[in-house]
């Protein structure tokens, strides 16, 4: 068992390094619990309900607003381990991706996004990383726009707000529509 008091002591001595250690410990603990849940057994436990055998750990670096965290991702022999701590193949925390996406939507250039992230203390976000993130964002928006509506919706509520959006080298006012509906079975929600 890890001594939490040592993390608290480290935090009081060097807050930046202490918080990094505490978050690393916590995320590793979360992945351990996920591994127990996915394998249906404790480590070294022999039961009929066991679905997978442990196969050590794989180091995984995750870039967060607190710096790089060196995590230990559990491995299975029978199937890949899946975690909610980070997305598959991702090395960047979701909040950083959201910040980059929001900056892009506000019209900030890729070079300026890189400079802003560096000023905030987040290293490793290059202009090519920003371009890749914004390309993924464009693909998700296109996928959303082309997705068919699957249910009958007798009641629609539509509202819009106008935002300045960068389109190429210039800015345009574009409408952001919010569409909510009530399905024929009475379920309410935003259209997806």
C-alpha atoms as a PDB file:
ATOM      1  CA  UNK A   1       0.000   0.000   0.000  1.00  0.00           C
ATOM      2  CA  UNK A   2       1.258   3.460  -0.876  1.00  0.00           C
ATOM      3  CA  UNK A   3       1.800   5.899   1.971  1.00  0.00           C
ATOM      4  CA  UNK A   4      -0.364   8.942   1.199  1.00  0.00           C
ATOM      5  CA  UNK A   5       1.453  10.987   3.836  1.00  0.00           C
ATOM      6  CA  UNK A   6       4.665  10.839   1.776  1.00  0.00           C
ATOM      7  CA  UNK A   7       2.758  12.414  -1.136  1.00  0.00           C
ATOM      8  CA  UNK A   8       1.391  15.122   1.140  1.00  0.00           C
ATOM      9  CA  UNK A   9       4.890  15.807   2.477  1.00  0.00           C
ATOM     10  CA  UNK A  10       6.269  15.996  -1.093  1.00  0.00           C
ATOM     11  CA  UNK A  11       3.415  18.326  -2.027  1.00  0.00           C
ATOM     12  CA  UNK A  12       4.227  20.680   0.838  1.00  0.00           C
ATOM     13  CA  UNK A  13       7.939  20.716  -0.068  1.00  0.00           C
ATOM     14  CA  UNK A  14       7.588  21.049  -3.858  1.00  0.00           C
ATOM     15  CA  UNK A  15       3.964  21.634  -4.826  1.00  0.00           C
ATOM     16  CA  UNK A  16       4.466  21.169  -8.572  1.00  0.00           C
ATOM     17  CA  UNK A  17       6.325  17.864  -8.255  1.00  0.00           C
ATOM     18  CA  UNK A  18       4.092  16.755  -5.379  1.00  0.00           C
ATOM     19  CA  UNK A  19       0.882  17.256  -7.345  1.00  0.00           C
ATOM     20  CA  UNK A  20       2.413  15.389 -10.314  1.00  0.00           C
ATOM     21  CA  UNK A  21       3.286  12.442  -8.059  1.00  0.00           C
ATOM     22  CA  UNK A  22      -0.161  12.473  -6.460  1.00  0.00           C
ATOM     23  CA  UNK A  23      -1.965  12.511  -9.826  1.00  0.00           C
ATOM     24  CA  UNK A  24       0.332   9.776 -11.185  1.00  0.00           C
ATOM     25  CA  UNK A  25      -0.371   7.613  -8.132  1.00  0.00           C
ATOM     26  CA  UNK A  26      -4.124   8.208  -8.411  1.00  0.00           C
ATOM     27  CA  UNK A  27      -4.338   7.476 -12.164  1.00  0.00           C
ATOM     28  CA  UNK A  28      -2.263   4.306 -11.741  1.00  0.00           C
ATOM     29  CA  UNK A  29      -4.632   3.268  -8.940  1.00  0.00           C
ATOM     30  CA  UNK A  30      -7.649   3.888 -11.202  1.00  0.00           C
ATOM     31  CA  UNK A  31      -6.093   1.724 -13.946  1.00  0.00           C
ATOM     32  CA  UNK A  32      -5.409  -1.044 -11.399  1.00  0.00           C
ATOM     33  CA  UNK A  33      -9.092  -1.023 -10.423  1.00  0.00           C
ATOM     34  CA  UNK A  34     -10.099  -1.088 -14.097  1.00  0.00           C
ATOM     35  CA  UNK A  35      -7.790  -4.085 -14.621  1.00  0.00           C
ATOM     36  CA  UNK A  36      -9.413  -5.921 -11.695  1.00  0.00           C
ATOM     37  CA  UNK A  37     -12.853  -5.188 -13.127  1.00  0.00           C
ATOM     38  CA  UNK A  38     -11.915  -6.314 -16.667  1.00  0.00           C
ATOM     39  CA  UNK A  39     -10.156  -9.511 -15.563  1.00  0.00           C
ATOM     40  CA  UNK A  40     -12.837 -10.463 -12.979  1.00  0.00           C
ATOM     41  CA  UNK A  41     -10.115 -11.448 -10.494  1.00  0.00           C
ATOM     42  CA  UNK A  42      -7.528 -10.064  -8.080  1.00  0.00           C
ATOM     43  CA  UNK A  43      -3.846 -10.304  -8.961  1.00  0.00           C
ATOM     44  CA  UNK A  44      -2.582 -13.906  -8.679  1.00  0.00           C
ATOM     45  CA  UNK A  45      -6.094 -15.131  -7.843  1.00  0.00           C
ATOM     46  CA  UNK A  46      -7.144 -18.421  -9.481  1.00  0.00           C
ATOM     47  CA  UNK A  47     -10.902 -18.521 -10.101  1.00  0.00           C
ATOM     48  CA  UNK A  48     -13.268 -19.862 -12.742  1.00  0.00           C
ATOM     49  CA  UNK A  49     -14.624 -16.370 -13.339  1.00  0.00           C
ATOM     50  CA  UNK A  50     -11.200 -15.002 -14.390  1.00  0.00           C
ATOM     51  CA  UNK A  51     -11.327 -13.711 -17.987  1.00  0.00           C
ATOM     52  CA  UNK A  52      -7.723 -12.616 -18.419  1.00  0.00           C
ATOM     53  CA  UNK A  53      -4.240 -13.111 -17.026  1.00  0.00           C
ATOM     54  CA  UNK A  54      -2.040 -10.134 -16.205  1.00  0.00           C
ATOM     55  CA  UNK A  55       1.016  -9.571 -18.357  1.00  0.00           C
ATOM     56  CA  UNK A  56       2.915  -6.816 -16.550  1.00  0.00           C
ATOM     57  CA  UNK A  57       2.769  -3.123 -17.355  1.00  0.00           C
ATOM     58  CA  UNK A  58       3.493  -0.886 -20.303  1.00  0.00           C
ATOM     59  CA  UNK A  59       4.841   2.618 -19.604  1.00  0.00           C
ATOM     60  CA  UNK A  60       2.628   5.397 -20.952  1.00  0.00           C
ATOM     61  CA  UNK A  61       3.481   9.113 -20.952  1.00  0.00           C
ATOM     62  CA  UNK A  62       0.515  11.458 -20.565  1.00  0.00           C
ATOM     63  CA  UNK A  63       0.900  15.205 -21.122  1.00  0.00           C
ATOM     64  CA  UNK A  64      -1.218  17.164 -18.620  1.00  0.00           C
ATOM     65  CA  UNK A  65      -1.426  20.740 -17.432  1.00  0.00           C
ATOM     66  CA  UNK A  66       0.825  19.643 -14.552  1.00  0.00           C
ATOM     67  CA  UNK A  67       3.515  18.326 -16.903  1.00  0.00           C
ATOM     68  CA  UNK A  68       4.316  14.858 -18.211  1.00  0.00           C
ATOM     69  CA  UNK A  69       3.117  11.936 -16.117  1.00  0.00           C
ATOM     70  CA  UNK A  70       4.774   8.526 -16.409  1.00  0.00           C
ATOM     71  CA  UNK A  71       1.927   6.046 -15.973  1.00  0.00           C
ATOM     72  CA  UNK A  72       2.009   2.243 -15.778  1.00  0.00           C
ATOM     73  CA  UNK A  73      -0.705   0.785 -17.995  1.00  0.00           C
ATOM     74  CA  UNK A  74      -1.655  -2.818 -17.050  1.00  0.00           C
ATOM     75  CA  UNK A  75      -1.433  -5.446 -19.795  1.00  0.00           C
ATOM     76  CA  UNK A  76      -3.419  -8.651 -20.357  1.00  0.00           C
ATOM     77  CA  UNK A  77      -2.417 -11.739 -22.313  1.00  0.00           C
ATOM     78  CA  UNK A  78      -5.856 -12.504 -23.782  1.00  0.00           C
ATOM     79  CA  UNK A  79      -7.088  -9.081 -24.905  1.00  0.00           C
ATOM     80  CA  UNK A  80      -6.005  -5.419 -24.809  1.00  0.00           C
ATOM     81  CA  UNK A  81      -6.521  -3.463 -21.594  1.00  0.00           C
ATOM     82  CA  UNK A  82      -8.918  -0.512 -22.022  1.00  0.00           C
ATOM     83  CA  UNK A  83      -8.936   2.501 -19.730  1.00  0.00           C
ATOM     84  CA  UNK A  84     -10.976   5.636 -19.180  1.00  0.00           C
ATOM     85  CA  UNK A  85      -7.884   7.499 -17.936  1.00  0.00           C
ATOM     86  CA  UNK A  86      -6.812   8.396 -21.482  1.00  0.00           C
ATOM     87  CA  UNK A  87      -8.059   7.707 -24.987  1.00  0.00           C
ATOM     88  CA  UNK A  88      -6.512   4.920 -27.020  1.00  0.00           C
ATOM     89  CA  UNK A  89      -3.173   6.018 -28.558  1.00  0.00           C
ATOM     90  CA  UNK A  90      -3.507   9.449 -26.907  1.00  0.00           C
ATOM     91  CA  UNK A  91      -0.581  11.062 -25.143  1.00  0.00           C
ATOM     92  CA  UNK A  92      -2.367  14.333 -24.291  1.00  0.00           C
ATOM     93  CA  UNK A  93      -4.925  15.038 -21.546  1.00  0.00           C
ATOM     94  CA  UNK A  94      -8.461  15.830 -22.737  1.00  0.00           C
ATOM     95  CA  UNK A  95      -8.474  19.298 -21.139  1.00  0.00           C
ATOM     96  CA  UNK A  96      -5.425  20.274 -23.211  1.00  0.00           C
ATOM     97  CA  UNK A  97      -7.126  18.996 -26.382  1.00  0.00           C
ATOM     98  CA  UNK A  98     -10.221  21.010 -25.451  1.00  0.00           C
ATOM     99  CA  UNK A  99      -8.104  24.145 -24.941  1.00  0.00           C
ATOM    100  CA  UNK A 100      -6.441  23.705 -28.339  1.00  0.00           C
ATOM    101  CA  UNK A 101      -9.813  23.108 -30.018  1.00  0.00           C
ATOM    102  CA  UNK A 102     -11.374  26.157 -28.326  1.00  0.00           C
ATOM    103  CA  UNK A 103      -8.415  28.336 -29.360  1.00  0.00           C
ATOM    104  CA  UNK A 104      -8.799  27.124 -32.940  1.00  0.00           C
ATOM    105  CA  UNK A 105     -12.533  27.850 -32.920  1.00  0.00           C
ATOM    106  CA  UNK A 106     -11.818  31.344 -31.586  1.00  0.00           C
ATOM    107  CA  UNK A 107      -9.559  31.943 -34.587  1.00  0.00           C
ATOM    108  CA  UNK A 108      -6.132  31.669 -32.959  1.00  0.00           C
ATOM    109  CA  UNK A 109      -3.442  30.549 -35.421  1.00  0.00           C
ATOM    110  CA  UNK A 110      -1.636  27.237 -34.916  1.00  0.00           C
ATOM    111  CA  UNK A 111       1.657  29.002 -34.143  1.00  0.00           C
ATOM    112  CA  UNK A 112       0.004  31.227 -31.541  1.00  0.00           C
ATOM    113  CA  UNK A 113      -1.700  28.219 -29.939  1.00  0.00           C
ATOM    114  CA  UNK A 114       1.737  26.606 -29.570  1.00  0.00           C
ATOM    115  CA  UNK A 115       3.100  29.788 -27.965  1.00  0.00           C
ATOM    116  CA  UNK A 116       0.115  30.085 -25.605  1.00  0.00           C
ATOM    117  CA  UNK A 117       0.461  26.459 -24.490  1.00  0.00           C
ATOM    118  CA  UNK A 118       4.186  26.955 -23.862  1.00  0.00           C
ATOM    119  CA  UNK A 119       3.427  30.112 -21.847  1.00  0.00           C
ATOM    120  CA  UNK A 120       0.952  28.076 -19.769  1.00  0.00           C
ATOM    121  CA  UNK A 121       3.720  25.591 -19.032  1.00  0.00           C
ATOM    122  CA  UNK A 122       2.523  22.830 -21.374  1.00  0.00           C
ATOM    123  CA  UNK A 123       5.443  21.587 -23.440  1.00  0.00           C
ATOM    124  CA  UNK A 124       5.114  19.214 -26.381  1.00  0.00           C
ATOM    125  CA  UNK A 125       2.214  20.852 -28.258  1.00  0.00           C
ATOM    126  CA  UNK A 126       3.754  21.752 -31.609  1.00  0.00           C
ATOM    127  CA  UNK A 127       2.114  23.424 -34.602  1.00  0.00           C
ATOM    128  CA  UNK A 128       1.784  20.005 -36.244  1.00  0.00           C
ATOM    129  CA  UNK A 129       0.041  18.696 -33.094  1.00  0.00           C
ATOM    130  CA  UNK A 130      -2.369  21.642 -33.210  1.00  0.00           C
ATOM    131  CA  UNK A 131      -3.039  20.983 -36.905  1.00  0.00           C
ATOM    132  CA  UNK A 132      -3.703  17.297 -36.207  1.00  0.00           C
ATOM    133  CA  UNK A 133      -6.097  18.131 -33.350  1.00  0.00           C
ATOM    134  CA  UNK A 134      -8.009  20.672 -35.458  1.00  0.00           C
ATOM    135  CA  UNK A 135      -8.196  18.204 -38.368  1.00  0.00           C
ATOM    136  CA  UNK A 136      -9.763  15.641 -36.007  1.00  0.00           C
ATOM    137  CA  UNK A 137     -12.191  18.328 -34.816  1.00  0.00           C
ATOM    138  CA  UNK A 138     -13.188  19.140 -38.412  1.00  0.00           C
ATOM    139  CA  UNK A 139     -13.756  15.422 -39.111  1.00  0.00           C
ATOM    140  CA  UNK A 140     -15.990  15.049 -36.021  1.00  0.00           C
ATOM    141  CA  UNK A 141     -18.031  18.105 -37.026  1.00  0.00           C
ATOM    142  CA  UNK A 142     -18.438  16.744 -40.573  1.00  0.00           C
ATOM    143  CA  UNK A 143     -19.458  13.340 -39.180  1.00  0.00           C
ATOM    144  CA  UNK A 144     -22.039  15.017 -36.930  1.00  0.00           C
ATOM    145  CA  UNK A 145     -23.449  17.092 -39.803  1.00  0.00           C
ATOM    146  CA  UNK A 146     -23.869  14.073 -42.084  1.00  0.00           C
ATOM    147  CA  UNK A 147     -25.395  11.761 -39.449  1.00  0.00           C
ATOM    148  CA  UNK A 148     -29.034  10.877 -40.240  1.00  0.00           C
ATOM    149  CA  UNK A 149     -31.841  11.429 -37.735  1.00  0.00           C
ATOM    150  CA  UNK A 150     -32.999   7.984 -36.623  1.00  0.00           C
ATOM    151  CA  UNK A 151     -36.387   8.687 -34.962  1.00  0.00           C
ATOM    152  CA  UNK A 152     -39.600  10.532 -35.774  1.00  0.00           C
ATOM    153  CA  UNK A 153     -39.505  13.934 -34.059  1.00  0.00           C
ATOM    154  CA  UNK A 154     -42.894  15.675 -34.111  1.00  0.00           C
ATOM    155  CA  UNK A 155     -41.748  18.720 -32.061  1.00  0.00           C
ATOM    156  CA  UNK A 156     -38.602  20.734 -32.780  1.00  0.00           C
ATOM    157  CA  UNK A 157     -37.137  23.695 -30.909  1.00  0.00           C
ATOM    158  CA  UNK A 158     -34.506  25.650 -32.841  1.00  0.00           C
ATOM    159  CA  UNK A 159     -32.316  28.499 -31.620  1.00  0.00           C
ATOM    160  CA  UNK A 160     -29.139  30.058 -32.986  1.00  0.00           C
ATOM    161  CA  UNK A 161     -26.324  32.323 -31.916  1.00  0.00           C
ATOM    162  CA  UNK A 162     -23.773  33.960 -34.201  1.00  0.00           C
ATOM    163  CA  UNK A 163     -20.046  33.522 -33.672  1.00  0.00           C
ATOM    164  CA  UNK A 164     -16.994  34.871 -35.455  1.00  0.00           C
ATOM    165  CA  UNK A 165     -15.326  31.823 -37.023  1.00  0.00           C
ATOM    166  CA  UNK A 166     -12.058  31.684 -38.919  1.00  0.00           C
ATOM    167  CA  UNK A 167     -12.564  30.388 -42.452  1.00  0.00           C
ATOM    168  CA  UNK A 168      -9.200  30.137 -44.146  1.00  0.00           C
ATOM    169  CA  UNK A 169      -7.466  33.490 -43.740  1.00  0.00           C
ATOM    170  CA  UNK A 170     -10.471  35.611 -42.782  1.00  0.00           C
ATOM    171  CA  UNK A 171     -13.280  35.624 -40.221  1.00  0.00           C
ATOM    172  CA  UNK A 172     -16.963  35.164 -40.921  1.00  0.00           C
ATOM    173  CA  UNK A 173     -20.068  35.382 -38.769  1.00  0.00           C
ATOM    174  CA  UNK A 174     -21.597  31.909 -38.691  1.00  0.00           C
ATOM    175  CA  UNK A 175     -24.713  30.660 -36.961  1.00  0.00           C
ATOM    176  CA  UNK A 176     -24.426  27.983 -34.301  1.00  0.00           C
ATOM    177  CA  UNK A 177     -27.769  26.195 -34.224  1.00  0.00           C
ATOM    178  CA  UNK A 178     -29.038  24.327 -31.196  1.00  0.00           C
ATOM    179  CA  UNK A 179     -31.851  21.951 -32.093  1.00  0.00           C
ATOM    180  CA  UNK A 180     -33.801  20.071 -29.455  1.00  0.00           C
ATOM    181  CA  UNK A 181     -36.709  17.779 -30.085  1.00  0.00           C
ATOM    182  CA  UNK A 182     -39.383  15.668 -28.492  1.00  0.00           C
ATOM    183  CA  UNK A 183     -39.671  12.212 -30.018  1.00  0.00           C
ATOM    184  CA  UNK A 184     -43.009  10.502 -30.536  1.00  0.00           C
ATOM    185  CA  UNK A 185     -42.302   8.318 -27.459  1.00  0.00           C
ATOM    186  CA  UNK A 186     -41.977  11.475 -25.301  1.00  0.00           C
ATOM    187  CA  UNK A 187     -38.190  11.383 -24.887  1.00  0.00           C
ATOM    188  CA  UNK A 188     -36.611  14.853 -25.049  1.00  0.00           C
ATOM    189  CA  UNK A 189     -33.100  15.697 -26.120  1.00  0.00           C
ATOM    190  CA  UNK A 190     -30.725  17.467 -28.432  1.00  0.00           C
ATOM    191  CA  UNK A 191     -30.578  16.166 -31.956  1.00  0.00           C
ATOM    192  CA  UNK A 192     -27.529  14.070 -32.668  1.00  0.00           C
END
